[in-house]
Amino acid sequence: MNDSLSTGTPPTALDTQTRLRRARIFKIGGTIASLALFVVSLVVLYYVMGKLDANEVKAAFSRASWQQIGLALFFTALSYLMLTGYDWVALPGVTAQKVRYRVAALASFTSYAVSFTLGFPLLTAATVRYWIYSSVGLGAKAIASLTLIAGITFWLGMGVVLGAVMIAAPSAAATFTRLPVSMNVLIGAAVCAAVGFYLLIVKRGNRRLAIQGWQLRLPSIRVTVRQMALGAADVSAGAAVLFVLLPADAQVPFATMLAAYVFACLLGIASHAPGGIGVFEATMLLALPGVPTEALLGALLVYRLCYYLVPFITALVLLGTREIMIRAGMLRRQLADNGEGPLHG
């Protein structure tokens, strides 16, 4: 904020020009970054599709029934539906501008579908969100705040699920943690205490967070609780995608799957590998030793296709279609302004 604004005096013409110049730079830079990300996404998609072994995919799908695949796609849709709520719930706290749910849903779905596959979520998700939200008037600061708050929501959701499972079903968690039941309870209690501490900070009104001179206002306690519920539902639905793809005789309790899934996600995120690929699979193989390796690898492959590849391709199609529609609308307006309608002349 410049001095003229902080003292209550009206901004000068120079201040206005500076702000307009910065806004123009952000817009151009955001557009270039968005287009570059779209191109990179197409390259990654081509690379991923080229690496898939058709025989392995066919074998994995042959081991899964149509009912299992249908349930996996259902829980995938449910998980991404919860993800759209992240933006919708957080938007009123970062901007006074009204944004339609369909815009928020598109921005949220595509940002997560792309960032889950490409990795580096803060960068990739923010770029996709900027591509969509800037077209309806949201500024770079609001979009950055929204991306960070959505990230906090994701971590809160995982924390709630992990803490609850470790406390409520410590024996199930011990299947892969290899720790005593009492230690699992302590870990769960520590995670829940950390989440509770965050809620206490928000409830007491200490909602301003400074990051390298940038001020972020955290959501209210009411919004935070709603976001936590969405995050917990999202993580549970994501775990259910893999759970329903396991062999019928696997006999893995859902609580064990849920805890293992959260740990695998955490390690995958820490690895910075796109989608946690490799790390996620290795963690699940160690966490579920009772499931035959070949059957588990097949389930993991189908999980990847359902939860990552299908949404990723869908997001690229939606982004490409939206861009074509925007360009077509601009062309129609230009023709109308020039008096060159389809029936003119």
Protein backbone atom coordinates (compact mmCIF):
# COMPACT_ATOMS: atom_id res chain seq x y z
CA MET A 1 0.00 0.00 0.00
CA ASN A 2 1.46 3.41 -0.98
CA ASP A 3 1.75 6.45 1.26
CA SER A 4 -1.12 8.33 -0.33
CA LEU A 5 -3.51 5.53 0.49
CA SER A 6 -2.23 5.03 4.01
CA THR A 7 -2.71 8.71 4.90
CA GLY A 8 -6.22 8.86 3.47
CA THR A 9 -5.35 11.23 0.58
CA PRO A 10 -6.63 10.42 -2.88
CA PRO A 11 -4.18 8.59 -5.15
CA THR A 12 -2.28 10.65 -7.67
CA ALA A 13 -2.34 10.08 -11.40
CA LEU A 14 1.14 8.54 -11.10
CA ASP A 15 -0.10 6.09 -8.46
CA THR A 16 -3.01 5.09 -10.68
CA GLN A 17 -0.74 4.58 -13.66
CA THR A 18 1.62 2.45 -11.56
CA ARG A 19 -1.22 0.25 -10.38
CA LEU A 20 -2.57 -0.11 -13.92
CA ARG A 21 0.90 -0.97 -15.21
CA ARG A 22 1.34 -3.62 -12.51
CA ALA A 23 -2.11 -5.04 -13.24
CA ARG A 24 -1.27 -5.18 -16.95
CA ILE A 25 2.03 -6.96 -16.22
CA PHE A 26 0.26 -9.47 -13.96
CA LYS A 27 -2.36 -10.10 -16.62
CA ILE A 28 0.17 -10.63 -19.40
CA GLY A 29 2.43 -12.73 -17.17
CA GLY A 30 -0.49 -14.80 -15.93
CA THR A 31 -1.72 -15.44 -19.47
CA ILE A 32 1.74 -16.51 -20.64
CA ALA A 33 2.16 -18.78 -17.59
CA SER A 34 -1.28 -20.32 -18.13
CA LEU A 35 -0.64 -21.06 -21.80
CA ALA A 36 2.80 -22.46 -20.95
CA LEU A 37 1.27 -24.69 -18.28
CA PHE A 38 -1.33 -25.93 -20.77
CA VAL A 39 1.40 -26.83 -23.26
CA VAL A 40 3.45 -28.56 -20.54
CA SER A 41 0.35 -30.48 -19.49
CA LEU A 42 -0.14 -31.76 -23.04
CA VAL A 43 3.52 -32.83 -23.17
CA VAL A 44 3.22 -34.62 -19.81
CA LEU A 45 0.02 -36.31 -20.96
CA TYR A 46 1.76 -37.52 -24.11
CA TYR A 47 4.70 -38.78 -22.02
CA VAL A 48 2.45 -40.56 -19.49
CA MET A 49 0.35 -42.20 -22.18
CA GLY A 50 3.52 -43.33 -23.95
CA LYS A 51 4.87 -44.92 -20.78
CA LEU A 52 1.74 -46.98 -20.15
CA ASP A 53 2.09 -50.61 -21.09
CA ALA A 54 -1.09 -51.65 -22.87
CA ASN A 55 -0.75 -55.24 -21.65
CA GLU A 56 -0.31 -54.17 -18.02
CA VAL A 57 -3.34 -51.86 -18.24
CA LYS A 58 -5.40 -54.61 -19.84
CA ALA A 59 -4.34 -57.10 -17.16
CA ALA A 60 -5.12 -54.64 -14.35
CA PHE A 61 -8.58 -53.94 -15.73
CA SER A 62 -9.24 -57.64 -16.29
CA ARG A 63 -8.62 -58.28 -12.59
CA ALA A 64 -11.12 -55.56 -11.61
CA SER A 65 -14.83 -56.06 -12.13
CA TRP A 66 -17.03 -53.46 -13.81
CA GLN A 67 -18.67 -52.89 -10.44
CA GLN A 68 -15.28 -52.07 -8.87
CA ILE A 69 -14.38 -49.69 -11.70
CA GLY A 70 -17.80 -48.03 -11.50
CA LEU A 71 -17.44 -47.54 -7.72
CA ALA A 72 -13.90 -46.19 -8.20
CA LEU A 73 -15.13 -43.61 -10.70
CA PHE A 74 -18.03 -42.71 -8.38
CA PHE A 75 -15.73 -42.06 -5.42
CA THR A 76 -13.35 -40.15 -7.71
CA ALA A 77 -16.22 -37.87 -8.74
CA LEU A 78 -17.23 -37.50 -5.07
CA SER A 79 -13.68 -36.56 -4.05
CA TYR A 80 -13.36 -33.91 -6.75
CA LEU A 81 -16.83 -32.62 -5.90
CA MET A 82 -15.57 -32.00 -2.34
CA LEU A 83 -12.54 -30.24 -3.82
CA THR A 84 -14.78 -27.76 -5.64
CA GLY A 85 -16.14 -26.77 -2.23
CA TYR A 86 -12.69 -25.60 -1.10
CA ASP A 87 -12.83 -22.56 -3.37
CA TRP A 88 -16.58 -21.96 -3.03
CA VAL A 89 -16.42 -21.80 0.78
CA ALA A 90 -13.23 -19.70 0.87
CA LEU A 91 -14.12 -17.13 -1.82
CA PRO A 92 -16.26 -14.78 0.36
CA GLY A 93 -13.31 -14.40 2.72
CA VAL A 94 -10.82 -13.26 0.06
CA THR A 95 -12.98 -11.07 -2.18
CA ALA A 96 -16.19 -9.07 -1.98
CA GLN A 97 -16.90 -9.90 -5.61
CA LYS A 98 -19.63 -12.42 -6.31
CA VAL A 99 -18.34 -15.48 -8.14
CA ARG A 100 -20.71 -18.12 -9.50
CA TYR A 101 -20.36 -21.68 -8.27
CA ARG A 102 -19.80 -23.00 -11.80
CA VAL A 103 -16.76 -20.70 -12.15
CA ALA A 104 -15.41 -21.71 -8.73
CA ALA A 105 -16.06 -25.38 -9.47
CA LEU A 106 -14.26 -25.17 -12.83
CA ALA A 107 -11.28 -23.34 -11.31
CA SER A 108 -11.04 -25.71 -8.36
CA PHE A 109 -11.49 -28.93 -10.31
CA THR A 110 -9.06 -28.06 -13.09
CA SER A 111 -6.43 -26.65 -10.70
CA TYR A 112 -6.41 -29.81 -8.60
CA ALA A 113 -6.62 -32.21 -11.53
CA VAL A 114 -3.61 -30.50 -13.15
CA SER A 115 -1.56 -29.95 -9.97
CA PHE A 116 -2.09 -33.53 -8.76
CA THR A 117 -0.54 -34.79 -11.98
CA LEU A 118 2.20 -32.20 -12.52
CA GLY A 119 3.18 -31.64 -8.88
CA PHE A 120 4.28 -28.32 -7.29
CA PRO A 121 0.66 -27.54 -6.30
CA LEU A 122 1.17 -23.96 -5.12
CA LEU A 123 2.60 -22.96 -8.51
CA THR A 124 0.50 -25.07 -10.87
CA ALA A 125 -2.79 -24.67 -8.99
CA ALA A 126 -2.31 -20.91 -8.69
CA THR A 127 -1.58 -20.63 -12.42
CA VAL A 128 -4.73 -22.51 -13.43
CA ARG A 129 -6.83 -20.52 -10.94
CA TYR A 130 -5.40 -17.27 -12.32
CA TRP A 131 -6.29 -18.35 -15.85
CA ILE A 132 -9.95 -18.75 -14.87
CA TYR A 133 -10.56 -16.25 -12.07
CA SER A 134 -8.77 -13.35 -13.76
CA SER A 135 -11.32 -13.54 -16.57
CA VAL A 136 -14.08 -12.69 -14.07
CA GLY A 137 -12.16 -9.84 -12.45
CA LEU A 138 -10.33 -11.39 -9.49
CA GLY A 139 -6.92 -9.93 -8.76
CA ALA A 140 -3.64 -11.78 -8.29
CA LYS A 141 -3.60 -11.21 -4.52
CA ALA A 142 -7.07 -12.71 -4.02
CA ILE A 143 -6.19 -15.71 -6.19
CA ALA A 144 -2.93 -16.29 -4.31
CA SER A 145 -4.79 -16.10 -0.97
CA LEU A 146 -7.42 -18.52 -2.25
CA THR A 147 -4.77 -21.02 -3.37
CA LEU A 148 -2.97 -20.89 -0.02
CA ILE A 149 -6.20 -21.22 1.99
CA ALA A 150 -7.24 -24.20 -0.15
CA GLY A 151 -3.86 -25.78 0.60
CA ILE A 152 -4.40 -25.27 4.34
CA THR A 153 -7.83 -26.89 3.99
CA PHE A 154 -6.28 -29.93 2.33
CA TRP A 155 -3.79 -30.37 5.17
CA LEU A 156 -6.45 -29.86 7.84
CA GLY A 157 -8.62 -32.52 6.23
CA MET A 158 -5.77 -35.02 6.18
CA GLY A 159 -4.88 -34.15 9.78
CA VAL A 160 -8.45 -34.70 11.00
CA VAL A 161 -8.72 -38.07 9.25
CA LEU A 162 -5.28 -39.29 10.35
CA GLY A 163 -5.75 -38.21 13.98
CA ALA A 164 -9.24 -39.72 14.18
CA VAL A 165 -8.14 -43.07 12.71
CA MET A 166 -5.04 -43.32 14.90
CA ILE A 167 -7.15 -42.73 18.02
CA ALA A 168 -10.30 -44.65 17.07
CA ALA A 169 -8.61 -47.63 15.42
CA PRO A 170 -4.99 -47.78 16.67
CA SER A 171 -4.78 -51.55 16.06
CA ALA A 172 -5.71 -51.08 12.39
CA ALA A 173 -3.05 -48.38 12.03
CA ALA A 174 -0.49 -50.63 13.72
CA THR A 175 -0.78 -52.97 10.72
CA PHE A 176 1.56 -50.69 8.76
CA THR A 177 3.10 -48.34 11.35
CA ARG A 178 4.60 -51.35 13.19
CA LEU A 179 4.25 -49.32 16.39
CA PRO A 180 2.60 -50.24 19.69
CA VAL A 181 -1.09 -49.38 19.95
CA SER A 182 -0.38 -46.81 22.67
CA MET A 183 2.14 -45.03 20.43
CA ASN A 184 -0.43 -44.84 17.62
CA VAL A 185 -2.91 -43.25 20.03
CA LEU A 186 -0.28 -40.70 21.09
CA ILE A 187 0.48 -39.82 17.48
CA GLY A 188 -3.22 -39.42 16.75
CA ALA A 189 -3.69 -37.25 19.82
CA ALA A 190 -0.72 -35.07 18.82
CA VAL A 191 -2.16 -34.56 15.32
CA CYS A 192 -5.60 -33.69 16.73
CA ALA A 193 -3.98 -31.32 19.24
CA ALA A 194 -2.20 -29.51 16.39
CA VAL A 195 -5.49 -29.13 14.50
CA GLY A 196 -7.20 -27.97 17.71
CA PHE A 197 -4.44 -25.40 18.30
CA TYR A 198 -5.02 -24.00 14.81
CA LEU A 199 -8.76 -23.76 15.48
CA LEU A 200 -8.07 -21.98 18.78
CA ILE A 201 -5.91 -19.40 17.02
CA VAL A 202 -8.63 -18.78 14.45
CA LYS A 203 -11.39 -18.63 17.07
CA ARG A 204 -9.47 -16.08 19.19
CA GLY A 205 -9.37 -13.77 16.19
CA ASN A 206 -5.66 -14.07 15.41
CA ARG A 207 -6.41 -14.58 11.77
CA ARG A 208 -3.73 -12.47 10.11
CA LEU A 209 -0.70 -14.33 8.85
CA ALA A 210 2.36 -12.47 7.52
CA ILE A 211 4.47 -14.27 4.91
CA GLN A 212 7.48 -12.26 3.75
CA GLY A 213 5.59 -9.00 4.16
CA TRP A 214 2.44 -10.33 2.51
CA GLN A 215 -0.66 -10.30 4.73
CA LEU A 216 -3.01 -13.29 4.57
CA ARG A 217 -6.32 -13.26 6.43
CA LEU A 218 -7.27 -16.76 7.54
CA PRO A 219 -10.92 -17.89 7.29
CA SER A 220 -13.26 -17.53 10.27
CA ILE A 221 -13.85 -20.47 12.63
CA ARG A 222 -17.16 -21.24 10.91
CA VAL A 223 -15.61 -21.34 7.47
CA THR A 224 -12.63 -23.31 8.79
CA VAL A 225 -14.85 -26.04 10.25
CA ARG A 226 -16.75 -26.32 6.97
CA GLN A 227 -13.48 -26.58 5.09
CA MET A 228 -12.21 -29.25 7.49
CA ALA A 229 -15.36 -31.29 6.89
CA LEU A 230 -14.87 -30.97 3.12
CA GLY A 231 -11.21 -31.94 3.45
CA ALA A 232 -12.00 -35.01 5.56
CA ALA A 233 -14.70 -36.10 3.10
CA ASP A 234 -12.33 -35.55 0.16
CA VAL A 235 -9.54 -37.65 1.70
CA SER A 236 -11.96 -40.41 2.71
CA ALA A 237 -13.43 -40.55 -0.81
CA GLY A 238 -9.92 -40.67 -2.30
CA ALA A 239 -9.03 -43.61 -0.05
CA ALA A 240 -12.30 -45.30 -1.02
CA VAL A 241 -11.25 -45.22 -4.69
CA LEU A 242 -8.32 -47.53 -3.95
CA PHE A 243 -10.22 -49.52 -1.31
CA VAL A 244 -12.96 -50.66 -3.72
CA LEU A 245 -10.31 -51.75 -6.25
CA LEU A 246 -8.66 -54.21 -3.85
CA PRO A 247 -9.36 -57.92 -4.37
CA ALA A 248 -12.50 -59.16 -2.65
CA ASP A 249 -10.45 -61.49 -0.43
CA ALA A 250 -7.97 -58.81 0.65
CA GLN A 251 -9.70 -58.38 4.04
CA VAL A 252 -8.21 -54.93 4.65
CA PRO A 253 -10.23 -52.82 7.13
CA PHE A 254 -11.16 -49.41 5.73
CA ALA A 255 -9.56 -47.77 8.79
CA THR A 256 -6.24 -49.37 7.86
CA MET A 257 -6.62 -48.24 4.26
CA LEU A 258 -7.52 -44.71 5.37
CA ALA A 259 -4.48 -44.30 7.62
CA ALA A 260 -2.15 -45.88 5.07
CA TYR A 261 -3.59 -43.68 2.32
CA VAL A 262 -2.98 -40.49 4.29
CA PHE A 263 0.61 -41.52 5.11
CA ALA A 264 1.24 -42.41 1.46
CA CYS A 265 -0.17 -39.04 0.34
CA LEU A 266 2.01 -37.18 2.85
CA LEU A 267 5.16 -38.97 1.69
CA GLY A 268 4.16 -38.45 -1.95
CA ILE A 269 3.74 -34.72 -1.39
CA ALA A 270 7.07 -34.53 0.46
CA SER A 271 8.81 -36.25 -2.47
CA HIS A 272 7.64 -33.49 -4.89
CA ALA A 273 7.19 -36.22 -7.52
CA PRO A 274 4.21 -35.54 -9.81
CA GLY A 275 1.28 -37.26 -8.13
CA GLY A 276 3.72 -38.79 -5.64
CA ILE A 277 4.26 -41.50 -8.26
CA GLY A 278 6.55 -44.27 -7.08
CA VAL A 279 6.60 -43.08 -3.48
CA PHE A 280 2.84 -43.56 -3.07
CA GLU A 281 2.96 -47.07 -4.54
CA ALA A 282 5.96 -48.10 -2.44
CA THR A 283 4.27 -46.88 0.74
CA MET A 284 1.07 -48.76 -0.02
CA LEU A 285 3.02 -51.96 -0.75
CA LEU A 286 4.68 -51.71 2.66
CA ALA A 287 1.46 -50.68 4.41
CA LEU A 288 -0.64 -53.56 3.05
CA PRO A 289 1.62 -56.62 3.16
CA GLY A 290 -1.38 -58.95 3.37
CA VAL A 291 -2.49 -58.11 -0.17
CA PRO A 292 -0.73 -60.07 -2.94
CA THR A 293 1.80 -57.81 -4.64
CA GLU A 294 0.54 -58.40 -8.18
CA ALA A 295 -3.08 -57.73 -7.21
CA LEU A 296 -2.14 -54.59 -5.26
CA LEU A 297 -0.02 -53.22 -8.11
CA GLY A 298 -2.92 -53.79 -10.49
CA ALA A 299 -5.31 -51.98 -8.13
CA LEU A 300 -2.83 -49.10 -7.81
CA LEU A 301 -2.57 -48.81 -11.60
CA VAL A 302 -6.36 -48.65 -12.03
CA TYR A 303 -6.47 -46.16 -9.15
CA ARG A 304 -3.96 -43.95 -10.98
CA LEU A 305 -6.01 -44.08 -14.15
CA CYS A 306 -9.29 -43.30 -12.36
CA TYR A 307 -8.12 -40.68 -9.87
CA TYR A 308 -5.36 -38.93 -11.81
CA LEU A 309 -5.43 -39.58 -15.54
CA VAL A 310 -9.20 -39.34 -16.19
CA PRO A 311 -9.61 -36.04 -14.25
CA PHE A 312 -6.40 -34.69 -15.83
CA ILE A 313 -7.65 -35.34 -19.37
CA THR A 314 -11.08 -33.96 -18.45
CA ALA A 315 -9.47 -30.79 -17.06
CA LEU A 316 -7.44 -30.25 -20.23
CA VAL A 317 -10.54 -30.70 -22.37
CA LEU A 318 -12.49 -28.22 -20.21
CA LEU A 319 -9.69 -25.65 -20.26
CA GLY A 320 -9.22 -26.00 -24.01
CA THR A 321 -12.97 -25.79 -24.69
CA ARG A 322 -13.29 -22.74 -22.45
CA GLU A 323 -10.43 -20.98 -24.24
CA ILE A 324 -11.98 -21.71 -27.64
CA MET A 325 -15.35 -20.35 -26.48
CA ILE A 326 -13.72 -17.19 -25.09
CA ARG A 327 -11.81 -16.58 -28.35
CA ALA A 328 -14.94 -17.26 -30.40
CA GLY A 329 -16.90 -14.77 -28.28
CA MET A 330 -14.20 -12.13 -28.74
CA LEU A 331 -14.26 -12.69 -32.49
CA ARG A 332 -18.05 -12.36 -32.64
CA ARG A 333 -17.92 -9.09 -30.69
CA GLN A 334 -15.22 -7.71 -32.98
CA LEU A 335 -17.25 -8.62 -36.05
CA ALA A 336 -20.36 -7.04 -34.53
CA ASP A 337 -18.43 -3.84 -33.68
CA ASN A 338 -17.17 -3.66 -37.26
CA GLY A 339 -20.62 -4.27 -38.69
CA GLU A 340 -19.51 -7.57 -40.20
CA GLY A 341 -22.21 -9.85 -38.87
CA PRO A 342 -22.86 -13.17 -40.61
CA LEU A 343 -25.68 -11.64 -42.70
CA HIS A 344 -23.93 -8.36 -43.44
CA GLY A 345 -23.41 -7.45 -47.07
